[in-house]
Amino acid sequence: MPSIGTSPRRTAAGPSNPETHRFADDGLIPNNPRLPLLVYRAAIDLIGTPDPEGTIEKAFRGNGWGDLWRNGIYPYVHYHSRIHESMAIARGRARVRFGGQHGMEIELVSGDVVVLPAGTGHQCVQANADLVVIGAYPKTGRYDLCRGSKEEHAQALQWIPDVPVPDTDPVLGKHGALPRLWHT
């Protein structure tokens, strides 16, 4: 994958005040009609840690999110229709398109966490060679991988509303932004 710049992009958003983004159904990628994507900037302090992957995994587990994985982000648009997903950048940086082909590209750097409500399209557009992403899922829901076919879309529209809202935020647990923003 081509590399991207090295200057960090930061906003006022952070662990207690994430950026929120909503995406419309584009006919192939349903996105989520009621829950926003959450982007937590500099959510997990990784400065000076020799094991950023372990630090993120410990935070996710401690906040009730499991089924952890270490990898990158697929370079093709995909979504999960039966479960929500959390991803944190442990090393490197990436530009990720959320919401499908007509969605929004967001640059993510080490320490950033994104929480994707079920149905939210995502794909890596560009990344450093050293990119390592840690992913996790809440206790409720069932993993699936959808790539945007008409058949998947029709089924996803039935499943997405039934995916339970997690009890905890993957970054700050019961007192984090997710319970407040997703239970309204």
C-alpha atoms as a PDB file:
ATOM      1  CA  MET A   1       0.000   0.000   0.000  1.00  0.00           C
ATOM      2  CA  PRO A   2       1.253   3.530  -0.627  1.00  0.00           C
ATOM      3  CA  SER A   3       2.446   5.385   2.437  1.00  0.00           C
ATOM      4  CA  ILE A   4       0.834   8.536   3.729  1.00  0.00           C
ATOM      5  CA  GLY A   5       2.185  11.643   5.415  1.00  0.00           C
ATOM      6  CA  THR A   6       3.577  11.701   8.917  1.00  0.00           C
ATOM      7  CA  SER A   7       2.063  14.837  10.436  1.00  0.00           C
ATOM      8  CA  PRO A   8      -0.638  14.025  13.005  1.00  0.00           C
ATOM      9  CA  ARG A   9      -4.133  15.435  12.547  1.00  0.00           C
ATOM     10  CA  ARG A  10      -5.822  16.253  15.841  1.00  0.00           C
ATOM     11  CA  THR A  11      -9.086  17.870  16.800  1.00  0.00           C
ATOM     12  CA  ALA A  12     -10.717  18.797  20.096  1.00  0.00           C
ATOM     13  CA  ALA A  13     -12.389  15.396  20.110  1.00  0.00           C
ATOM     14  CA  GLY A  14     -11.006  12.834  22.520  1.00  0.00           C
ATOM     15  CA  PRO A  15     -12.029   9.880  24.660  1.00  0.00           C
ATOM     16  CA  SER A  16     -14.909  11.687  26.360  1.00  0.00           C
ATOM     17  CA  ASN A  17     -15.963  13.755  23.342  1.00  0.00           C
ATOM     18  CA  PRO A  18     -15.672  11.711  20.114  1.00  0.00           C
ATOM     19  CA  GLU A  19     -16.353  12.983  16.624  1.00  0.00           C
ATOM     20  CA  THR A  20     -19.635  11.595  15.304  1.00  0.00           C
ATOM     21  CA  HIS A  21     -20.461  10.862  11.676  1.00  0.00           C
ATOM     22  CA  ARG A  22     -23.581   9.484  10.001  1.00  0.00           C
ATOM     23  CA  PHE A  23     -23.768   7.932   6.553  1.00  0.00           C
ATOM     24  CA  ALA A  24     -26.765   7.345   4.319  1.00  0.00           C
ATOM     25  CA  ASP A  25     -27.660   3.996   2.803  1.00  0.00           C
ATOM     26  CA  ASP A  26     -26.222   4.010  -0.734  1.00  0.00           C
ATOM     27  CA  GLY A  27     -28.129   0.984  -2.006  1.00  0.00           C
ATOM     28  CA  LEU A  28     -25.195  -1.406  -1.462  1.00  0.00           C
ATOM     29  CA  ILE A  29     -23.784  -0.347   1.911  1.00  0.00           C
ATOM     30  CA  PRO A  30     -26.647   0.127   4.388  1.00  0.00           C
ATOM     31  CA  ASN A  31     -24.659   1.997   7.059  1.00  0.00           C
ATOM     32  CA  ASN A  32     -26.639   2.499  10.251  1.00  0.00           C
ATOM     33  CA  PRO A  33     -29.861   4.500  10.158  1.00  0.00           C
ATOM     34  CA  ARG A  34     -29.783   5.535  13.830  1.00  0.00           C
ATOM     35  CA  LEU A  35     -26.308   5.139  15.359  1.00  0.00           C
ATOM     36  CA  PRO A  36     -23.337   7.379  14.465  1.00  0.00           C
ATOM     37  CA  LEU A  37     -19.772   6.292  13.804  1.00  0.00           C
ATOM     38  CA  LEU A  38     -17.601   7.428  16.738  1.00  0.00           C
ATOM     39  CA  VAL A  39     -14.002   8.645  16.251  1.00  0.00           C
ATOM     40  CA  TYR A  40     -11.999   9.044  19.457  1.00  0.00           C
ATOM     41  CA  ARG A  41      -8.787  11.021  18.839  1.00  0.00           C
ATOM     42  CA  ALA A  42      -5.763  10.144  20.997  1.00  0.00           C
ATOM     43  CA  ALA A  43      -8.072   7.903  22.999  1.00  0.00           C
ATOM     44  CA  ILE A  44      -5.434   5.528  24.302  1.00  0.00           C
ATOM     45  CA  ASP A  45      -2.090   6.957  25.411  1.00  0.00           C
ATOM     46  CA  LEU A  46       0.596   4.914  23.699  1.00  0.00           C
ATOM     47  CA  ILE A  47       3.511   7.325  24.171  1.00  0.00           C
ATOM     48  CA  GLY A  48       6.548   5.467  25.448  1.00  0.00           C
ATOM     49  CA  THR A  49       4.936   2.034  25.588  1.00  0.00           C
ATOM     50  CA  PRO A  50       6.987  -0.765  24.026  1.00  0.00           C
ATOM     51  CA  ASP A  51       3.782  -2.780  23.519  1.00  0.00           C
ATOM     52  CA  PRO A  52       1.016  -0.583  22.068  1.00  0.00           C
ATOM     53  CA  GLU A  53      -0.907  -3.650  20.871  1.00  0.00           C
ATOM     54  CA  GLY A  54      -1.038  -5.092  24.387  1.00  0.00           C
ATOM     55  CA  THR A  55      -2.012  -1.717  25.851  1.00  0.00           C
ATOM     56  CA  ILE A  56      -4.975  -1.418  23.491  1.00  0.00           C
ATOM     57  CA  GLU A  57      -6.023  -5.043  23.995  1.00  0.00           C
ATOM     58  CA  LYS A  58      -5.949  -4.561  27.771  1.00  0.00           C
ATOM     59  CA  ALA A  59      -8.121  -1.428  27.467  1.00  0.00           C
ATOM     60  CA  PHE A  60     -10.655  -3.138  25.201  1.00  0.00           C
ATOM     61  CA  ARG A  61     -10.866  -6.247  27.406  1.00  0.00           C
ATOM     62  CA  GLY A  62     -11.133  -4.142  30.551  1.00  0.00           C
ATOM     63  CA  ASN A  63     -14.111  -2.330  29.049  1.00  0.00           C
ATOM     64  CA  GLY A  64     -15.989  -5.493  28.086  1.00  0.00           C
ATOM     65  CA  TRP A  65     -14.994  -5.771  24.413  1.00  0.00           C
ATOM     66  CA  GLY A  66     -13.415  -9.025  23.219  1.00  0.00           C
ATOM     67  CA  ASP A  67     -12.837 -11.374  20.280  1.00  0.00           C
ATOM     68  CA  LEU A  68      -9.702  -9.317  19.667  1.00  0.00           C
ATOM     69  CA  TRP A  69      -7.742  -9.355  16.435  1.00  0.00           C
ATOM     70  CA  ARG A  70      -4.493  -7.783  15.163  1.00  0.00           C
ATOM     71  CA  ASN A  71      -4.183  -6.916  11.484  1.00  0.00           C
ATOM     72  CA  GLY A  72      -4.717  -4.040   9.092  1.00  0.00           C
ATOM     73  CA  ILE A  73      -7.988  -2.901   7.531  1.00  0.00           C
ATOM     74  CA  TYR A  74      -9.210  -4.596   4.363  1.00  0.00           C
ATOM     75  CA  PRO A  75      -8.584  -2.566   1.190  1.00  0.00           C
ATOM     76  CA  TYR A  76     -12.100  -3.254  -0.098  1.00  0.00           C
ATOM     77  CA  VAL A  77     -15.370  -1.859   1.213  1.00  0.00           C
ATOM     78  CA  HIS A  78     -17.065  -4.171   3.678  1.00  0.00           C
ATOM     79  CA  TYR A  79     -19.309  -4.047   6.726  1.00  0.00           C
ATOM     80  CA  HIS A  80     -20.716  -6.183   9.513  1.00  0.00           C
ATOM     81  CA  SER A  81     -24.499  -6.412   9.662  1.00  0.00           C
ATOM     82  CA  ARG A  82     -24.892  -8.379  12.886  1.00  0.00           C
ATOM     83  CA  ILE A  83     -22.319  -6.834  15.227  1.00  0.00           C
ATOM     84  CA  HIS A  84     -20.700  -3.497  16.086  1.00  0.00           C
ATOM     85  CA  GLU A  85     -16.902  -3.180  15.821  1.00  0.00           C
ATOM     86  CA  SER A  86     -14.170  -1.160  17.496  1.00  0.00           C
ATOM     87  CA  MET A  87     -10.773  -0.549  15.891  1.00  0.00           C
ATOM     88  CA  ALA A  88      -7.721   1.156  17.365  1.00  0.00           C
ATOM     89  CA  ILE A  89      -4.521   2.154  15.616  1.00  0.00           C
ATOM     90  CA  ALA A  90      -1.599   0.635  17.551  1.00  0.00           C
ATOM     91  CA  ARG A  91       1.162   1.564  15.109  1.00  0.00           C
ATOM     92  CA  GLY A  92       1.348   3.707  12.007  1.00  0.00           C
ATOM     93  CA  ARG A  93      -1.440   5.609  10.349  1.00  0.00           C
ATOM     94  CA  ALA A  94      -4.145   5.009   7.777  1.00  0.00           C
ATOM     95  CA  ARG A  95      -6.693   6.842   5.699  1.00  0.00           C
ATOM     96  CA  VAL A  96      -9.952   4.919   5.944  1.00  0.00           C
ATOM     97  CA  ARG A  97     -13.132   5.522   3.961  1.00  0.00           C
ATOM     98  CA  PHE A  98     -16.246   5.068   6.062  1.00  0.00           C
ATOM     99  CA  GLY A  99     -19.788   4.908   4.702  1.00  0.00           C
ATOM    100  CA  GLY A 100     -19.120   3.214   1.338  1.00  0.00           C
ATOM    101  CA  GLN A 101     -17.901   4.583  -1.994  1.00  0.00           C
ATOM    102  CA  HIS A 102     -19.497   7.989  -1.395  1.00  0.00           C
ATOM    103  CA  GLY A 103     -18.617   8.164   2.296  1.00  0.00           C
ATOM    104  CA  MET A 104     -15.896  10.109   4.109  1.00  0.00           C
ATOM    105  CA  GLU A 105     -12.157   9.510   4.306  1.00  0.00           C
ATOM    106  CA  ILE A 106     -10.750   9.908   7.811  1.00  0.00           C
ATOM    107  CA  GLU A 107      -7.074   9.819   8.719  1.00  0.00           C
ATOM    108  CA  LEU A 108      -6.348   7.741  11.808  1.00  0.00           C
ATOM    109  CA  VAL A 109      -3.084   7.657  13.764  1.00  0.00           C
ATOM    110  CA  SER A 110      -1.635   5.702  16.656  1.00  0.00           C
ATOM    111  CA  GLY A 111      -3.907   5.938  19.705  1.00  0.00           C
ATOM    112  CA  ASP A 112      -7.078   6.745  17.753  1.00  0.00           C
ATOM    113  CA  VAL A 113     -10.124   4.501  18.228  1.00  0.00           C
ATOM    114  CA  VAL A 114     -13.131   4.184  15.918  1.00  0.00           C
ATOM    115  CA  VAL A 115     -16.411   2.506  16.859  1.00  0.00           C
ATOM    116  CA  LEU A 116     -18.484   1.381  13.906  1.00  0.00           C
ATOM    117  CA  PRO A 117     -22.155   0.662  14.377  1.00  0.00           C
ATOM    118  CA  ALA A 118     -23.396  -2.429  12.542  1.00  0.00           C
ATOM    119  CA  GLY A 119     -23.821  -1.774   8.827  1.00  0.00           C
ATOM    120  CA  THR A 120     -21.121   0.897   8.531  1.00  0.00           C
ATOM    121  CA  GLY A 121     -18.996   0.448   5.426  1.00  0.00           C
ATOM    122  CA  HIS A 122     -15.239   0.754   5.813  1.00  0.00           C
ATOM    123  CA  GLN A 123     -12.094   0.210   3.766  1.00  0.00           C
ATOM    124  CA  CYS A 124      -8.447   1.190   3.982  1.00  0.00           C
ATOM    125  CA  VAL A 125      -7.577   3.670   1.238  1.00  0.00           C
ATOM    126  CA  GLN A 126      -3.949   4.266   2.205  1.00  0.00           C
ATOM    127  CA  ALA A 127      -1.642   3.188   5.034  1.00  0.00           C
ATOM    128  CA  ASN A 128       1.953   3.155   6.292  1.00  0.00           C
ATOM    129  CA  ALA A 129       3.829  -0.098   5.915  1.00  0.00           C
ATOM    130  CA  ASP A 130       3.981  -0.417   9.728  1.00  0.00           C
ATOM    131  CA  LEU A 131       0.208  -0.158  10.298  1.00  0.00           C
ATOM    132  CA  VAL A 132      -1.125  -2.403  13.071  1.00  0.00           C
ATOM    133  CA  VAL A 133      -4.804  -2.254  13.979  1.00  0.00           C
ATOM    134  CA  ILE A 134      -6.434  -3.890  16.996  1.00  0.00           C
ATOM    135  CA  GLY A 135     -10.092  -4.794  16.564  1.00  0.00           C
ATOM    136  CA  ALA A 136     -12.687  -5.883  19.102  1.00  0.00           C
ATOM    137  CA  TYR A 137     -16.380  -6.649  19.382  1.00  0.00           C
ATOM    138  CA  PRO A 138     -18.943  -6.246  22.156  1.00  0.00           C
ATOM    139  CA  LYS A 139     -20.276  -9.278  24.015  1.00  0.00           C
ATOM    140  CA  THR A 140     -23.532  -9.249  22.049  1.00  0.00           C
ATOM    141  CA  GLY A 141     -23.888  -9.741  18.317  1.00  0.00           C
ATOM    142  CA  ARG A 142     -22.589 -12.206  15.749  1.00  0.00           C
ATOM    143  CA  TYR A 143     -19.676 -11.614  13.379  1.00  0.00           C
ATOM    144  CA  ASP A 144     -20.313 -11.587   9.649  1.00  0.00           C
ATOM    145  CA  LEU A 145     -18.494 -10.024   6.694  1.00  0.00           C
ATOM    146  CA  CYS A 146     -20.553  -8.357   3.980  1.00  0.00           C
ATOM    147  CA  ARG A 147     -19.052  -6.892   0.808  1.00  0.00           C
ATOM    148  CA  GLY A 148     -21.949  -4.894  -0.587  1.00  0.00           C
ATOM    149  CA  SER A 149     -24.045  -7.183  -2.771  1.00  0.00           C
ATOM    150  CA  LYS A 150     -27.756  -6.467  -3.294  1.00  0.00           C
ATOM    151  CA  GLU A 151     -28.627  -9.760  -1.557  1.00  0.00           C
ATOM    152  CA  GLU A 152     -26.502  -8.915   1.495  1.00  0.00           C
ATOM    153  CA  HIS A 153     -27.992  -5.423   1.586  1.00  0.00           C
ATOM    154  CA  ALA A 154     -31.564  -6.714   1.745  1.00  0.00           C
ATOM    155  CA  GLN A 155     -30.706  -9.123   4.582  1.00  0.00           C
ATOM    156  CA  ALA A 156     -28.631  -6.501   6.438  1.00  0.00           C
ATOM    157  CA  LEU A 157     -31.582  -4.098   6.520  1.00  0.00           C
ATOM    158  CA  GLN A 158     -33.456  -6.733   8.537  1.00  0.00           C
ATOM    159  CA  TRP A 159     -30.577  -7.554  10.905  1.00  0.00           C
ATOM    160  CA  ILE A 160     -29.069  -4.121  11.689  1.00  0.00           C
ATOM    161  CA  PRO A 161     -31.985  -2.785  13.794  1.00  0.00           C
ATOM    162  CA  ASP A 162     -31.808  -5.895  15.996  1.00  0.00           C
ATOM    163  CA  VAL A 163     -28.103  -5.598  16.874  1.00  0.00           C
ATOM    164  CA  PRO A 164     -28.047  -4.706  20.592  1.00  0.00           C
ATOM    165  CA  VAL A 165     -26.337  -1.534  21.743  1.00  0.00           C
ATOM    166  CA  PRO A 166     -23.307  -2.456  23.892  1.00  0.00           C
ATOM    167  CA  ASP A 167     -23.470  -1.676  27.607  1.00  0.00           C
ATOM    168  CA  THR A 168     -19.963  -0.248  27.593  1.00  0.00           C
ATOM    169  CA  ASP A 169     -17.730   2.050  25.617  1.00  0.00           C
ATOM    170  CA  PRO A 170     -14.533   0.286  24.408  1.00  0.00           C
ATOM    171  CA  VAL A 171     -12.392   3.221  25.601  1.00  0.00           C
ATOM    172  CA  LEU A 172     -14.005   4.388  28.867  1.00  0.00           C
ATOM    173  CA  GLY A 173     -16.365   1.586  29.843  1.00  0.00           C
ATOM    174  CA  LYS A 174     -19.771   2.363  31.366  1.00  0.00           C
ATOM    175  CA  HIS A 175     -18.892   6.051  31.745  1.00  0.00           C
ATOM    176  CA  GLY A 176     -17.788   6.579  28.152  1.00  0.00           C
ATOM    177  CA  ALA A 177     -19.530   8.392  25.327  1.00  0.00           C
ATOM    178  CA  LEU A 178     -20.983   5.329  23.571  1.00  0.00           C
ATOM    179  CA  PRO A 179     -23.723   4.551  26.112  1.00  0.00           C
ATOM    180  CA  ARG A 180     -24.736   8.218  26.119  1.00  0.00           C
ATOM    181  CA  LEU A 181     -24.635   8.706  22.324  1.00  0.00           C
ATOM    182  CA  TRP A 182     -26.060   5.348  21.252  1.00  0.00           C
ATOM    183  CA  HIS A 183     -28.866   4.988  23.846  1.00  0.00           C
ATOM    184  CA  THR A 184     -30.588   8.258  22.968  1.00  0.00           C
END
